[in-house]
């Protein structure tokens, strides 16, 4: 009986990366959630990719903001925004920190995503420091328009199922009424 032996590749390809696509950790001028920090830093460390930490702040268009004085960051927020960078550097991960100030923060974040081409976008503002409606709007906008994988702290499947069940109930009643008439 003839058998075919398949050997592995001749070259060692275990250390070859498929392309440097960083992990991007983003917030909207509030501290990061602990789960988001852990996920982003672990992803960057395990994949050997750099971590880009982005704080997007909304500023109003005034004369002072056009001159460069439109944003003042508090010392406490600054210390909290350093946490993921410090953790990543302790694990020998390259870190780049960005602060983006714009009157349209979500559009500015999407521009950063388009420029950096991350493998995964970790949207991780602390839910205790941001209004739920703003967080949901931002997560929805990023899921629709970001050209990469997106991690959010919310569980969209359960939320979408709850919304869908609320929307379907009147339709089911309406169709059942129509069926009875015919």
N, C-alpha and C. Protein backbone atom coordinates (compact mmCIF):
# COMPACT_ATOMS: atom_id res chain seq x y z
N UNK A 1 0.84 -1.16 0.00
CA UNK A 1 0.00 0.00 0.00
C UNK A 1 0.89 1.24 0.00
N UNK A 2 0.60 2.19 -0.87
CA UNK A 2 1.36 3.41 -0.97
C UNK A 2 0.76 4.47 -0.04
N UNK A 3 1.62 5.15 0.64
CA UNK A 3 1.17 6.25 1.50
C UNK A 3 1.96 7.49 1.14
N UNK A 4 1.37 8.60 1.42
CA UNK A 4 2.03 9.87 1.15
C UNK A 4 2.37 10.49 2.48
N UNK A 5 3.62 10.81 2.63
CA UNK A 5 4.05 11.48 3.87
C UNK A 5 4.08 12.98 3.60
N UNK A 6 3.44 13.67 4.46
CA UNK A 6 3.46 15.13 4.34
C UNK A 6 4.35 15.69 5.43
N UNK A 7 5.31 16.38 5.02
CA UNK A 7 6.18 17.02 6.00
C UNK A 7 5.77 18.48 6.14
N UNK A 8 6.22 19.07 7.22
CA UNK A 8 5.91 20.47 7.46
C UNK A 8 6.71 21.36 6.53
N UNK A 9 6.53 22.62 6.64
CA UNK A 9 7.28 23.55 5.79
C UNK A 9 8.77 23.50 6.12
N UNK A 10 9.57 23.80 5.13
CA UNK A 10 11.01 23.77 5.32
C UNK A 10 11.51 24.97 6.11
N UNK A 11 10.83 26.06 6.00
CA UNK A 11 11.24 27.26 6.72
C UNK A 11 10.45 27.36 8.02
N UNK A 12 11.09 27.93 9.02
CA UNK A 12 10.41 28.17 10.29
C UNK A 12 9.56 29.43 10.15
N UNK A 13 8.25 29.27 10.17
CA UNK A 13 7.34 30.40 9.97
C UNK A 13 6.62 30.79 11.25
N UNK A 14 7.05 30.27 12.39
CA UNK A 14 6.35 30.57 13.62
C UNK A 14 6.52 32.01 14.05
N UNK A 15 7.64 32.64 13.72
CA UNK A 15 7.87 34.00 14.15
C UNK A 15 7.49 35.05 13.13
N UNK A 16 6.94 34.64 11.99
CA UNK A 16 6.61 35.58 10.94
C UNK A 16 5.24 36.19 11.23
N UNK A 17 5.20 37.49 11.30
CA UNK A 17 3.93 38.18 11.55
C UNK A 17 3.22 38.45 10.23
N UNK A 18 1.90 38.47 10.28
CA UNK A 18 1.11 38.73 9.09
C UNK A 18 1.00 40.20 8.75
N UNK A 19 1.67 41.03 9.42
CA UNK A 19 1.58 42.48 9.19
C UNK A 19 1.41 43.18 10.51
N UNK A 20 2.05 44.27 10.67
CA UNK A 20 1.98 45.00 11.93
C UNK A 20 0.69 45.80 11.98
N UNK A 21 -0.29 45.27 12.68
CA UNK A 21 -1.55 45.97 12.88
C UNK A 21 -1.72 46.17 14.37
N UNK A 22 -1.56 47.37 14.84
CA UNK A 22 -1.55 47.61 16.28
C UNK A 22 -2.93 47.40 16.91
N UNK A 23 -2.92 47.33 18.22
CA UNK A 23 -4.16 47.32 19.00
C UNK A 23 -4.41 48.76 19.41
N UNK A 24 -5.61 49.26 19.14
CA UNK A 24 -5.95 50.65 19.43
C UNK A 24 -6.95 50.69 20.57
N UNK A 25 -6.57 51.30 21.68
CA UNK A 25 -7.42 51.46 22.85
C UNK A 25 -7.89 52.91 22.90
N UNK A 26 -9.20 53.13 22.87
CA UNK A 26 -9.74 54.48 22.74
C UNK A 26 -10.75 54.79 23.84
N UNK A 27 -10.79 56.07 24.21
CA UNK A 27 -11.78 56.57 25.16
C UNK A 27 -12.20 57.97 24.73
N UNK A 28 -13.29 58.43 25.32
CA UNK A 28 -13.84 59.76 25.01
C UNK A 28 -13.64 60.70 26.18
N UNK A 29 -12.40 61.01 26.50
CA UNK A 29 -12.02 61.95 27.54
C UNK A 29 -12.52 61.56 28.94
N UNK A 30 -12.60 60.27 29.19
CA UNK A 30 -12.91 59.73 30.50
C UNK A 30 -11.90 58.61 30.77
N UNK A 31 -11.75 58.17 32.02
CA UNK A 31 -10.82 57.06 32.30
C UNK A 31 -11.24 55.78 31.58
N UNK A 32 -10.28 54.88 31.43
CA UNK A 32 -10.55 53.60 30.79
C UNK A 32 -11.19 52.61 31.76
N UNK A 33 -12.00 51.70 31.25
CA UNK A 33 -12.55 50.60 32.04
C UNK A 33 -11.45 49.57 32.24
N UNK A 34 -11.46 48.91 33.39
CA UNK A 34 -10.43 47.92 33.70
C UNK A 34 -10.44 46.75 32.72
N UNK A 35 -11.62 46.29 32.32
CA UNK A 35 -11.71 45.18 31.36
C UNK A 35 -11.12 45.56 30.01
N UNK A 36 -11.32 46.79 29.60
CA UNK A 36 -10.79 47.25 28.32
C UNK A 36 -9.26 47.32 28.36
N UNK A 37 -8.72 47.81 29.47
CA UNK A 37 -7.27 47.87 29.62
C UNK A 37 -6.68 46.47 29.56
N UNK A 38 -7.28 45.55 30.31
CA UNK A 38 -6.76 44.18 30.34
C UNK A 38 -6.82 43.53 28.97
N UNK A 39 -7.93 43.70 28.27
CA UNK A 39 -8.08 43.08 26.95
C UNK A 39 -7.09 43.67 25.95
N UNK A 40 -6.96 44.98 25.93
CA UNK A 40 -6.08 45.63 24.95
C UNK A 40 -4.61 45.28 25.20
N UNK A 41 -4.18 45.36 26.44
CA UNK A 41 -2.79 45.07 26.75
C UNK A 41 -2.47 43.59 26.51
N UNK A 42 -3.38 42.71 26.90
CA UNK A 42 -3.17 41.27 26.65
C UNK A 42 -3.10 40.98 25.16
N UNK A 43 -3.99 41.59 24.39
CA UNK A 43 -3.99 41.36 22.93
C UNK A 43 -2.68 41.84 22.31
N UNK A 44 -2.22 43.00 22.72
CA UNK A 44 -0.98 43.53 22.16
C UNK A 44 0.22 42.68 22.58
N UNK A 45 0.25 42.27 23.84
CA UNK A 45 1.39 41.48 24.33
C UNK A 45 1.42 40.09 23.69
N UNK A 46 0.27 39.44 23.59
CA UNK A 46 0.23 38.09 23.04
C UNK A 46 0.54 38.06 21.55
N UNK A 47 0.15 39.09 20.83
CA UNK A 47 0.37 39.12 19.39
C UNK A 47 1.65 39.84 18.99
N UNK A 48 2.36 40.41 19.95
CA UNK A 48 3.59 41.11 19.65
C UNK A 48 3.38 42.38 18.84
N UNK A 49 2.24 43.02 19.02
CA UNK A 49 1.91 44.23 18.27
C UNK A 49 1.98 45.43 19.20
N UNK A 50 2.18 46.62 18.65
CA UNK A 50 2.20 47.82 19.48
C UNK A 50 0.79 48.19 19.96
N UNK A 51 0.74 48.96 21.01
CA UNK A 51 -0.52 49.45 21.57
C UNK A 51 -0.59 50.95 21.34
N UNK A 52 -1.68 51.40 20.77
CA UNK A 52 -1.92 52.84 20.56
C UNK A 52 -3.05 53.23 21.50
N UNK A 53 -2.76 54.11 22.44
CA UNK A 53 -3.74 54.58 23.42
C UNK A 53 -4.21 55.96 22.98
N UNK A 54 -5.52 56.08 22.74
CA UNK A 54 -6.08 57.32 22.19
C UNK A 54 -7.13 57.89 23.13
N UNK A 55 -6.98 59.17 23.45
CA UNK A 55 -7.98 59.91 24.20
C UNK A 55 -8.55 60.96 23.26
N UNK A 56 -9.84 60.86 22.97
CA UNK A 56 -10.50 61.80 22.06
C UNK A 56 -11.35 62.74 22.90
N UNK A 57 -11.04 64.02 22.81
CA UNK A 57 -11.75 65.03 23.59
C UNK A 57 -12.55 65.93 22.66
N UNK A 58 -13.74 66.27 23.11
CA UNK A 58 -14.58 67.19 22.34
C UNK A 58 -14.28 68.61 22.79
N UNK A 59 -14.00 69.47 21.82
CA UNK A 59 -13.77 70.88 22.12
C UNK A 59 -14.70 71.71 21.26
N UNK A 60 -15.03 72.89 21.74
CA UNK A 60 -15.85 73.81 20.97
C UNK A 60 -14.96 74.68 20.10
N UNK A 61 -15.45 75.04 18.95
CA UNK A 61 -14.69 75.91 18.06
C UNK A 61 -14.80 77.35 18.55
N UNK A 62 -13.74 77.81 19.16
CA UNK A 62 -13.64 79.20 19.59
C UNK A 62 -12.29 79.74 19.13
N UNK A 63 -12.10 81.00 19.34
CA UNK A 63 -10.80 81.59 18.98
C UNK A 63 -9.67 80.91 19.75
N UNK A 64 -9.89 80.65 21.03
CA UNK A 64 -8.83 80.06 21.86
C UNK A 64 -8.52 78.63 21.45
N UNK A 65 -9.52 77.89 21.01
CA UNK A 65 -9.24 76.51 20.58
C UNK A 65 -8.48 76.50 19.26
N UNK A 66 -8.72 77.49 18.40
CA UNK A 66 -7.97 77.57 17.14
C UNK A 66 -6.52 77.98 17.37
N UNK A 67 -6.26 78.72 18.43
CA UNK A 67 -4.90 79.12 18.77
C UNK A 67 -4.15 77.99 19.46
N UNK A 68 -4.89 77.06 20.06
CA UNK A 68 -4.25 75.92 20.73
C UNK A 68 -4.54 75.80 22.20
N UNK A 69 -5.43 76.65 22.72
CA UNK A 69 -5.74 76.63 24.15
C UNK A 69 -7.14 76.09 24.42
N UNK A 70 -7.65 75.22 23.60
CA UNK A 70 -9.02 74.77 23.72
C UNK A 70 -9.23 73.62 24.68
N UNK A 71 -8.15 72.96 25.10
CA UNK A 71 -8.32 71.77 25.93
C UNK A 71 -7.36 71.82 27.11
N UNK A 72 -7.89 71.61 28.31
CA UNK A 72 -7.07 71.53 29.51
C UNK A 72 -7.43 70.22 30.19
N UNK A 73 -6.42 69.37 30.34
CA UNK A 73 -6.64 68.05 30.94
C UNK A 73 -6.33 68.10 32.42
N UNK A 74 -7.17 67.50 33.23
CA UNK A 74 -6.94 67.49 34.67
C UNK A 74 -5.84 66.49 35.02
N UNK A 75 -5.17 66.74 36.12
CA UNK A 75 -4.06 65.86 36.55
C UNK A 75 -4.57 64.47 36.89
N UNK A 76 -5.75 64.39 37.50
CA UNK A 76 -6.30 63.08 37.87
C UNK A 76 -6.63 62.26 36.63
N UNK A 77 -7.23 62.88 35.64
CA UNK A 77 -7.53 62.18 34.40
C UNK A 77 -6.24 61.76 33.70
N UNK A 78 -5.23 62.61 33.73
CA UNK A 78 -3.94 62.29 33.12
C UNK A 78 -3.33 61.04 33.75
N UNK A 79 -3.38 60.95 35.08
CA UNK A 79 -2.84 59.77 35.77
C UNK A 79 -3.62 58.52 35.39
N UNK A 80 -4.92 58.62 35.29
CA UNK A 80 -5.74 57.46 34.94
C UNK A 80 -5.53 57.03 33.50
N UNK A 81 -5.25 57.99 32.61
CA UNK A 81 -5.02 57.64 31.21
C UNK A 81 -3.64 57.04 30.99
N UNK A 82 -2.73 57.19 31.95
CA UNK A 82 -1.41 56.57 31.86
C UNK A 82 -1.41 55.10 32.24
N UNK A 83 -2.45 54.64 32.92
CA UNK A 83 -2.47 53.25 33.41
C UNK A 83 -2.24 52.20 32.33
N UNK A 84 -2.95 52.24 31.18
CA UNK A 84 -2.69 51.20 30.18
C UNK A 84 -1.29 51.28 29.59
N UNK A 85 -0.76 52.49 29.44
CA UNK A 85 0.59 52.64 28.90
C UNK A 85 1.63 52.08 29.87
N UNK A 86 1.46 52.34 31.15
CA UNK A 86 2.40 51.82 32.15
C UNK A 86 2.36 50.30 32.20
N UNK A 87 1.16 49.74 32.16
CA UNK A 87 1.02 48.28 32.19
C UNK A 87 1.63 47.65 30.94
N UNK A 88 1.38 48.22 29.80
CA UNK A 88 1.93 47.67 28.55
C UNK A 88 3.45 47.77 28.52
N UNK A 89 4.01 48.88 28.99
CA UNK A 89 5.46 49.02 29.00
C UNK A 89 6.10 48.05 29.98
N UNK A 90 5.41 47.71 31.05
CA UNK A 90 5.96 46.72 31.99
C UNK A 90 6.00 45.33 31.36
N UNK A 91 5.20 45.11 30.32
CA UNK A 91 5.19 43.83 29.60
C UNK A 91 5.99 43.90 28.29
N UNK A 92 6.79 44.95 28.13
CA UNK A 92 7.66 45.15 26.95
C UNK A 92 6.87 45.32 25.66
N UNK A 93 5.73 45.99 25.74
CA UNK A 93 4.93 46.30 24.56
C UNK A 93 5.20 47.75 24.19
N UNK A 94 5.43 47.99 22.91
CA UNK A 94 5.61 49.37 22.45
C UNK A 94 4.29 50.11 22.58
N UNK A 95 4.35 51.33 23.10
CA UNK A 95 3.13 52.11 23.36
C UNK A 95 3.27 53.48 22.71
N UNK A 96 2.17 53.92 22.12
CA UNK A 96 2.08 55.27 21.59
C UNK A 96 0.80 55.89 22.14
N UNK A 97 0.92 57.07 22.72
CA UNK A 97 -0.25 57.76 23.28
C UNK A 97 -0.60 58.94 22.39
N UNK A 98 -1.90 59.07 22.11
CA UNK A 98 -2.39 60.18 21.31
C UNK A 98 -3.53 60.88 22.04
N UNK A 99 -3.57 62.19 21.91
CA UNK A 99 -4.72 62.96 22.37
C UNK A 99 -5.24 63.69 21.14
N UNK A 100 -6.50 63.49 20.84
CA UNK A 100 -7.12 64.11 19.67
C UNK A 100 -8.23 65.02 20.17
N UNK A 101 -8.16 66.28 19.78
CA UNK A 101 -9.18 67.26 20.17
C UNK A 101 -9.94 67.66 18.91
N UNK A 102 -11.27 67.54 18.98
CA UNK A 102 -12.08 67.83 17.81
C UNK A 102 -13.49 68.21 18.23
N UNK A 103 -14.17 69.04 17.43
CA UNK A 103 -15.58 69.30 17.71
C UNK A 103 -16.46 68.09 17.40
N UNK A 104 -15.92 67.13 16.65
CA UNK A 104 -16.64 65.90 16.30
C UNK A 104 -15.78 64.71 16.70
N UNK A 105 -15.87 64.27 17.97
CA UNK A 105 -14.93 63.27 18.47
C UNK A 105 -15.04 61.91 17.79
N UNK A 106 -16.23 61.46 17.45
CA UNK A 106 -16.34 60.14 16.81
C UNK A 106 -15.75 60.14 15.41
N UNK A 107 -15.97 61.21 14.67
CA UNK A 107 -15.36 61.30 13.34
C UNK A 107 -13.84 61.35 13.45
N UNK A 108 -13.34 62.06 14.45
CA UNK A 108 -11.89 62.13 14.65
C UNK A 108 -11.33 60.77 15.02
N UNK A 109 -12.04 60.02 15.86
CA UNK A 109 -11.58 58.68 16.21
C UNK A 109 -11.59 57.76 15.00
N UNK A 110 -12.59 57.88 14.17
CA UNK A 110 -12.64 57.06 12.95
C UNK A 110 -11.51 57.42 11.98
N UNK A 111 -11.10 58.68 11.95
CA UNK A 111 -9.95 59.07 11.14
C UNK A 111 -8.66 58.44 11.66
N UNK A 112 -8.51 58.40 12.98
CA UNK A 112 -7.34 57.76 13.58
C UNK A 112 -7.34 56.26 13.25
N UNK A 113 -8.51 55.65 13.31
CA UNK A 113 -8.62 54.22 12.97
C UNK A 113 -8.24 53.99 11.52
N UNK A 114 -8.68 54.87 10.63
CA UNK A 114 -8.34 54.73 9.22
C UNK A 114 -6.85 54.93 8.98
N UNK A 115 -6.22 55.85 9.70
CA UNK A 115 -4.79 56.11 9.52
C UNK A 115 -3.93 54.99 10.08
N UNK A 116 -4.26 54.50 11.26
CA UNK A 116 -3.42 53.50 11.94
C UNK A 116 -3.70 52.07 11.51
N UNK A 117 -4.87 51.81 10.94
CA UNK A 117 -5.27 50.49 10.48
C UNK A 117 -5.03 49.42 11.55
N UNK A 118 -5.72 49.52 12.70
CA UNK A 118 -5.48 48.56 13.77
C UNK A 118 -6.09 47.20 13.47
N UNK A 119 -5.55 46.19 14.11
CA UNK A 119 -6.13 44.86 14.00
C UNK A 119 -7.43 44.79 14.80
N UNK A 120 -7.44 45.48 15.92
CA UNK A 120 -8.65 45.53 16.75
C UNK A 120 -8.73 46.90 17.42
N UNK A 121 -9.93 47.42 17.47
CA UNK A 121 -10.22 48.68 18.16
C UNK A 121 -10.92 48.32 19.47
N UNK A 122 -10.30 48.68 20.58
CA UNK A 122 -10.89 48.44 21.90
C UNK A 122 -11.48 49.76 22.36
N UNK A 123 -12.80 49.85 22.32
CA UNK A 123 -13.49 51.06 22.77
C UNK A 123 -13.79 50.88 24.24
N UNK A 124 -13.01 51.55 25.09
CA UNK A 124 -13.09 51.24 26.51
C UNK A 124 -13.25 52.37 27.48
N UNK A 125 -14.15 53.34 27.25
CA UNK A 125 -14.37 54.33 28.30
C UNK A 125 -15.10 53.68 29.49
N UNK A 126 -14.78 54.15 30.67
CA UNK A 126 -15.42 53.62 31.87
C UNK A 126 -16.91 53.97 31.84
N UNK A 127 -17.73 52.97 32.03
CA UNK A 127 -19.18 53.19 31.93
C UNK A 127 -19.71 54.03 33.08
N UNK A 128 -18.96 54.14 34.16
CA UNK A 128 -19.41 54.97 35.28
C UNK A 128 -19.14 56.45 35.05
N UNK A 129 -18.28 56.77 34.09
CA UNK A 129 -17.92 58.16 33.83
C UNK A 129 -18.54 58.72 32.54
N UNK A 130 -19.30 57.94 31.84
CA UNK A 130 -19.89 58.39 30.59
C UNK A 130 -21.38 58.07 30.61
N UNK A 131 -22.17 58.95 30.01
CA UNK A 131 -23.61 58.72 29.99
C UNK A 131 -23.93 57.49 29.13
N UNK A 132 -24.89 56.66 29.53
CA UNK A 132 -25.20 55.43 28.78
C UNK A 132 -25.62 55.70 27.34
N UNK A 133 -26.36 56.76 27.12
CA UNK A 133 -26.82 57.06 25.77
C UNK A 133 -25.65 57.46 24.85
N UNK A 134 -24.71 58.23 25.39
CA UNK A 134 -23.53 58.63 24.61
C UNK A 134 -22.67 57.41 24.29
N UNK A 135 -22.51 56.51 25.28
CA UNK A 135 -21.73 55.30 25.05
C UNK A 135 -22.38 54.42 23.97
N UNK A 136 -23.68 54.24 24.08
CA UNK A 136 -24.39 53.39 23.10
C UNK A 136 -24.31 53.99 21.70
N UNK A 137 -24.46 55.31 21.60
CA UNK A 137 -24.38 55.97 20.29
C UNK A 137 -22.98 55.82 19.70
N UNK A 138 -21.96 56.01 20.52
CA UNK A 138 -20.58 55.88 20.04
C UNK A 138 -20.27 54.44 19.64
N UNK A 139 -20.69 53.47 20.44
CA UNK A 139 -20.44 52.07 20.11
C UNK A 139 -21.15 51.67 18.82
N UNK A 140 -22.37 52.16 18.64
CA UNK A 140 -23.10 51.85 17.41
C UNK A 140 -22.42 52.48 16.19
N UNK A 141 -22.00 53.73 16.33
CA UNK A 141 -21.32 54.42 15.23
C UNK A 141 -20.01 53.71 14.87
N UNK A 142 -19.25 53.31 15.86
CA UNK A 142 -17.99 52.62 15.60
C UNK A 142 -18.21 51.25 14.97
N UNK A 143 -19.24 50.54 15.42
CA UNK A 143 -19.49 49.21 14.84
C UNK A 143 -19.94 49.31 13.39
N UNK A 144 -20.61 50.40 13.04
CA UNK A 144 -21.08 50.56 11.66
C UNK A 144 -19.98 51.07 10.73
N UNK A 145 -19.08 51.93 11.26
CA UNK A 145 -18.15 52.63 10.36
C UNK A 145 -16.68 52.24 10.50
N UNK A 146 -16.28 51.57 11.57
CA UNK A 146 -14.87 51.20 11.73
C UNK A 146 -14.55 50.03 10.81
N UNK A 147 -13.39 50.09 10.20
CA UNK A 147 -13.00 49.05 9.25
C UNK A 147 -12.13 47.97 9.88
N UNK A 148 -12.38 47.65 11.15
CA UNK A 148 -11.59 46.63 11.83
C UNK A 148 -12.48 45.95 12.87
N UNK A 149 -11.91 44.98 13.58
CA UNK A 149 -12.63 44.34 14.66
C UNK A 149 -12.86 45.36 15.78
N UNK A 150 -13.97 45.24 16.47
CA UNK A 150 -14.32 46.19 17.53
C UNK A 150 -14.65 45.43 18.80
N UNK A 151 -14.05 45.84 19.91
CA UNK A 151 -14.37 45.29 21.22
C UNK A 151 -15.01 46.40 22.03
N UNK A 152 -16.18 46.12 22.58
CA UNK A 152 -16.83 47.05 23.50
C UNK A 152 -17.18 46.30 24.76
N UNK A 153 -17.41 47.04 25.81
CA UNK A 153 -17.74 46.43 27.08
C UNK A 153 -19.19 45.93 27.09
N UNK A 154 -20.00 46.49 26.25
CA UNK A 154 -21.42 46.11 26.19
C UNK A 154 -21.57 44.76 25.52
N UNK A 155 -22.67 44.12 25.78
CA UNK A 155 -22.99 42.86 25.13
C UNK A 155 -24.06 43.14 24.08
N UNK A 156 -23.67 43.40 22.83
CA UNK A 156 -24.64 43.84 21.83
C UNK A 156 -25.66 42.77 21.46
N UNK A 157 -25.30 41.50 21.58
CA UNK A 157 -26.24 40.45 21.19
C UNK A 157 -27.46 40.46 22.11
N UNK A 158 -27.22 40.55 23.41
CA UNK A 158 -28.35 40.57 24.34
C UNK A 158 -29.17 41.85 24.18
N UNK A 159 -28.49 42.98 23.98
CA UNK A 159 -29.21 44.23 23.79
C UNK A 159 -30.03 44.22 22.51
N UNK A 160 -29.45 43.71 21.44
CA UNK A 160 -30.17 43.67 20.18
C UNK A 160 -31.35 42.70 20.26
N UNK A 161 -31.18 41.61 20.98
CA UNK A 161 -32.28 40.67 21.14
C UNK A 161 -33.43 41.30 21.92
N UNK A 162 -33.10 42.07 22.95
CA UNK A 162 -34.16 42.73 23.72
C UNK A 162 -34.87 43.78 22.86
N UNK A 163 -34.10 44.54 22.08
CA UNK A 163 -34.73 45.53 21.21
C UNK A 163 -35.58 44.86 20.14
N UNK A 164 -35.08 43.78 19.58
CA UNK A 164 -35.82 43.09 18.53
C UNK A 164 -37.11 42.48 19.08
N UNK A 165 -37.06 41.93 20.30
CA UNK A 165 -38.27 41.34 20.86
C UNK A 165 -39.32 42.41 21.13
N UNK A 166 -38.87 43.62 21.55
CA UNK A 166 -39.83 44.70 21.76
C UNK A 166 -40.42 45.16 20.44
N UNK A 167 -39.62 45.16 19.40
CA UNK A 167 -40.12 45.62 18.09
C UNK A 167 -41.03 44.58 17.44
N UNK A 168 -40.75 43.32 17.64
CA UNK A 168 -41.51 42.28 16.95
C UNK A 168 -42.89 42.06 17.55
N UNK A 169 -43.05 42.31 18.82
CA UNK A 169 -44.32 41.98 19.45
C UNK A 169 -45.51 42.68 18.79
N UNK A 170 -45.48 43.96 18.46
CA UNK A 170 -46.63 44.55 17.76
C UNK A 170 -46.82 43.97 16.36
N UNK A 171 -45.74 43.65 15.69
CA UNK A 171 -45.86 43.08 14.35
C UNK A 171 -46.49 41.70 14.40
N UNK A 172 -46.12 40.92 15.39
CA UNK A 172 -46.70 39.58 15.51
C UNK A 172 -48.19 39.70 15.77
N UNK A 173 -48.57 40.60 16.64
CA UNK A 173 -50.00 40.78 16.91
C UNK A 173 -50.73 41.25 15.65
N UNK A 174 -50.14 42.14 14.90
CA UNK A 174 -50.77 42.64 13.70
C UNK A 174 -50.92 41.53 12.66
N UNK A 175 -49.90 40.72 12.47
CA UNK A 175 -50.01 39.64 11.48
C UNK A 175 -50.99 38.58 11.94
N UNK A 176 -51.06 38.33 13.24
CA UNK A 176 -52.02 37.33 13.70
C UNK A 176 -53.45 37.82 13.49
N UNK A 177 -53.67 39.13 13.64
CA UNK A 177 -54.99 39.70 13.40
C UNK A 177 -55.33 39.59 11.91
N UNK A 178 -54.37 39.87 11.05
CA UNK A 178 -54.60 39.77 9.60
C UNK A 178 -54.90 38.34 9.19
N UNK A 179 -54.26 37.38 9.79
CA UNK A 179 -54.49 35.97 9.46
C UNK A 179 -55.91 35.54 9.85
N UNK A 180 -56.37 36.05 10.98
CA UNK A 180 -57.69 35.68 11.44
C UNK A 180 -58.78 36.21 10.51
N UNK A 181 -58.58 37.40 9.93
CA UNK A 181 -59.57 38.00 9.06
C UNK A 181 -59.68 37.29 7.73
N UNK A 182 -58.61 36.68 7.27
CA UNK A 182 -58.66 36.05 5.95
C UNK A 182 -59.16 34.64 6.00
